[in-house]
Protein backbone atom coordinates (compact mmCIF):
# COMPACT_ATOMS: atom_id res chain seq x y z
CA UNK A 1 -0.21 0.22 -0.04
CA UNK A 2 2.91 2.67 0.85
CA UNK A 3 4.29 2.18 -3.19
CA UNK A 4 1.15 2.93 -4.21
CA UNK A 5 0.85 6.01 -2.48
CA UNK A 6 4.07 6.63 -2.83
CA UNK A 7 2.97 6.70 -6.73
CA UNK A 8 0.43 9.09 -6.49
CA UNK A 9 2.76 11.09 -4.88
CA UNK A 10 5.26 11.35 -7.60
CA UNK A 11 2.49 12.22 -10.21
CA UNK A 12 0.21 14.82 -8.18
CA UNK A 13 3.95 16.61 -7.70
CA UNK A 14 5.15 16.25 -11.35
CA UNK A 15 1.44 17.50 -12.61
CA UNK A 16 1.33 20.32 -9.76
CA UNK A 17 5.42 21.65 -11.82
CA UNK A 18 3.54 20.71 -15.20
CA UNK A 19 0.87 23.34 -14.13
CA UNK A 20 3.50 25.92 -12.78
CA UNK A 21 4.99 26.06 -15.95
CA UNK A 22 2.58 25.76 -17.79
CA UNK A 23 1.57 29.29 -16.25
CA UNK A 24 4.84 30.96 -16.37
CA UNK A 25 5.09 29.97 -19.96
CA UNK A 26 1.32 31.30 -20.83
CA UNK A 27 2.24 34.39 -18.52
CA UNK A 28 4.77 34.95 -20.95
CA UNK A 29 2.60 34.20 -24.17
CA UNK A 30 0.19 37.16 -22.50
CA UNK A 31 3.10 39.91 -22.16
CA UNK A 32 4.35 39.59 -25.57
CA UNK A 33 1.02 39.27 -27.67
CA UNK A 34 0.06 43.05 -28.14
CA UNK A 35 3.87 43.50 -29.72
CA UNK A 36 3.18 40.49 -31.72
CA UNK A 37 -0.47 42.08 -32.58
CA UNK A 38 1.25 45.61 -33.16
CA UNK A 39 3.33 44.19 -35.51
CA UNK A 40 1.36 42.34 -37.40
CA UNK A 41 -0.85 45.33 -37.70
CA UNK A 42 1.66 48.08 -39.32
CA UNK A 43 2.80 45.05 -41.92
CA UNK A 44 -1.04 45.72 -43.53
CA UNK A 45 -1.91 48.15 -45.81
CA UNK A 46 -5.44 48.37 -47.74
CA UNK A 47 -7.58 51.29 -49.31
CA UNK A 48 -10.29 51.45 -51.69
CA UNK A 49 -14.41 52.60 -51.36
CA UNK A 50 -17.05 50.75 -48.50
CA UNK A 51 -19.22 49.23 -50.74
CA UNK A 52 -21.32 47.07 -47.51
CA UNK A 53 -20.64 46.52 -44.11
CA UNK A 54 -22.00 44.15 -42.17
CA UNK A 55 -21.73 42.59 -38.54
CA UNK A 56 -20.89 38.52 -38.21
CA UNK A 57 -22.21 37.77 -35.15
CA UNK A 58 -21.33 33.60 -35.60
CA UNK A 59 -17.34 35.81 -35.83
CA UNK A 60 -18.05 37.45 -32.08
CA UNK A 61 -19.66 40.72 -33.52
CA UNK A 62 -17.35 41.38 -35.84
CA UNK A 63 -17.19 44.13 -38.23
CA UNK A 64 -17.15 43.20 -41.90
CA UNK A 65 -16.42 46.07 -44.59
CA UNK A 66 -16.70 44.72 -48.31
CA UNK A 67 -14.59 47.01 -50.62
CA UNK A 68 -15.81 47.66 -53.85
CA UNK A 69 -12.76 45.84 -54.95
CA UNK A 70 -13.68 43.00 -53.25
CA UNK A 71 -11.73 42.86 -51.00
CA UNK A 72 -13.10 41.86 -46.91
CA UNK A 73 -11.69 43.56 -43.72
CA UNK A 74 -12.47 43.02 -40.04
CA UNK A 75 -12.84 45.03 -37.68
CA UNK A 76 -13.34 44.65 -33.89
CA UNK A 77 -17.19 44.90 -33.14
CA UNK A 78 -17.08 48.27 -31.44
CA UNK A 79 -16.05 50.13 -34.52
CA UNK A 80 -19.23 49.62 -36.78
CA UNK A 81 -20.44 52.80 -35.93
CA UNK A 82 -17.05 54.40 -37.68
CA UNK A 83 -18.20 53.09 -41.28
CA UNK A 84 -20.29 54.39 -43.43
CA UNK A 85 -20.93 53.33 -46.99
CA UNK A 86 -19.27 55.21 -49.54
CA UNK A 87 -16.41 56.52 -47.89
CA UNK A 88 -13.19 55.61 -49.01
CA UNK A 89 -10.39 54.18 -46.28
CA UNK A 90 -7.17 54.00 -46.54
CA UNK A 91 -4.14 52.23 -44.31
CA UNK A 92 -0.75 52.02 -45.14
CA UNK A 93 2.23 49.89 -44.53
CA UNK A 94 3.63 51.04 -41.74
CA UNK A 95 1.04 53.01 -39.41
CA UNK A 96 -0.74 52.35 -36.83
CA UNK A 97 -3.66 54.79 -38.19
CA UNK A 98 -6.86 54.89 -41.26
CA UNK A 99 -8.14 56.83 -42.74
CA UNK A 100 -11.61 57.85 -43.51
CA UNK A 101 -12.57 60.06 -45.42
CA UNK A 102 -16.32 61.33 -45.94
CA UNK A 103 -18.11 64.18 -47.57
CA UNK A 104 -14.79 65.94 -47.62
CA UNK A 105 -13.81 65.23 -44.73
CA UNK A 106 -11.01 63.33 -42.73
CA UNK A 107 -10.90 61.36 -39.61
CA UNK A 108 -7.95 59.40 -38.30
CA UNK A 109 -8.19 56.59 -36.16
CA UNK A 110 -5.92 54.21 -34.30
CA UNK A 111 -6.11 49.79 -36.11
């Protein structure tokens, strides 16, 4: 009976160590992820006239813009009200802002 208890204790200790190690890897990942997303967003560029706008509720309410050149852009659900049909939208590579042109006005937003 003593050997059996020892086996469970070793298994429990190994499982505990794995959870602790996993926690530190996850914590490091969470710290680096915003930097990765920022870098990814800097390398994106697009431009065009908005043909249609809708929310994809099957994907957490993501705002989908379809440009007249048939390119699809995805934005988070909170940005839905920023866009209108026939707006021009521009995002230059290496910049962290998008520009929306509407009736002679230009509005800039962080991407």
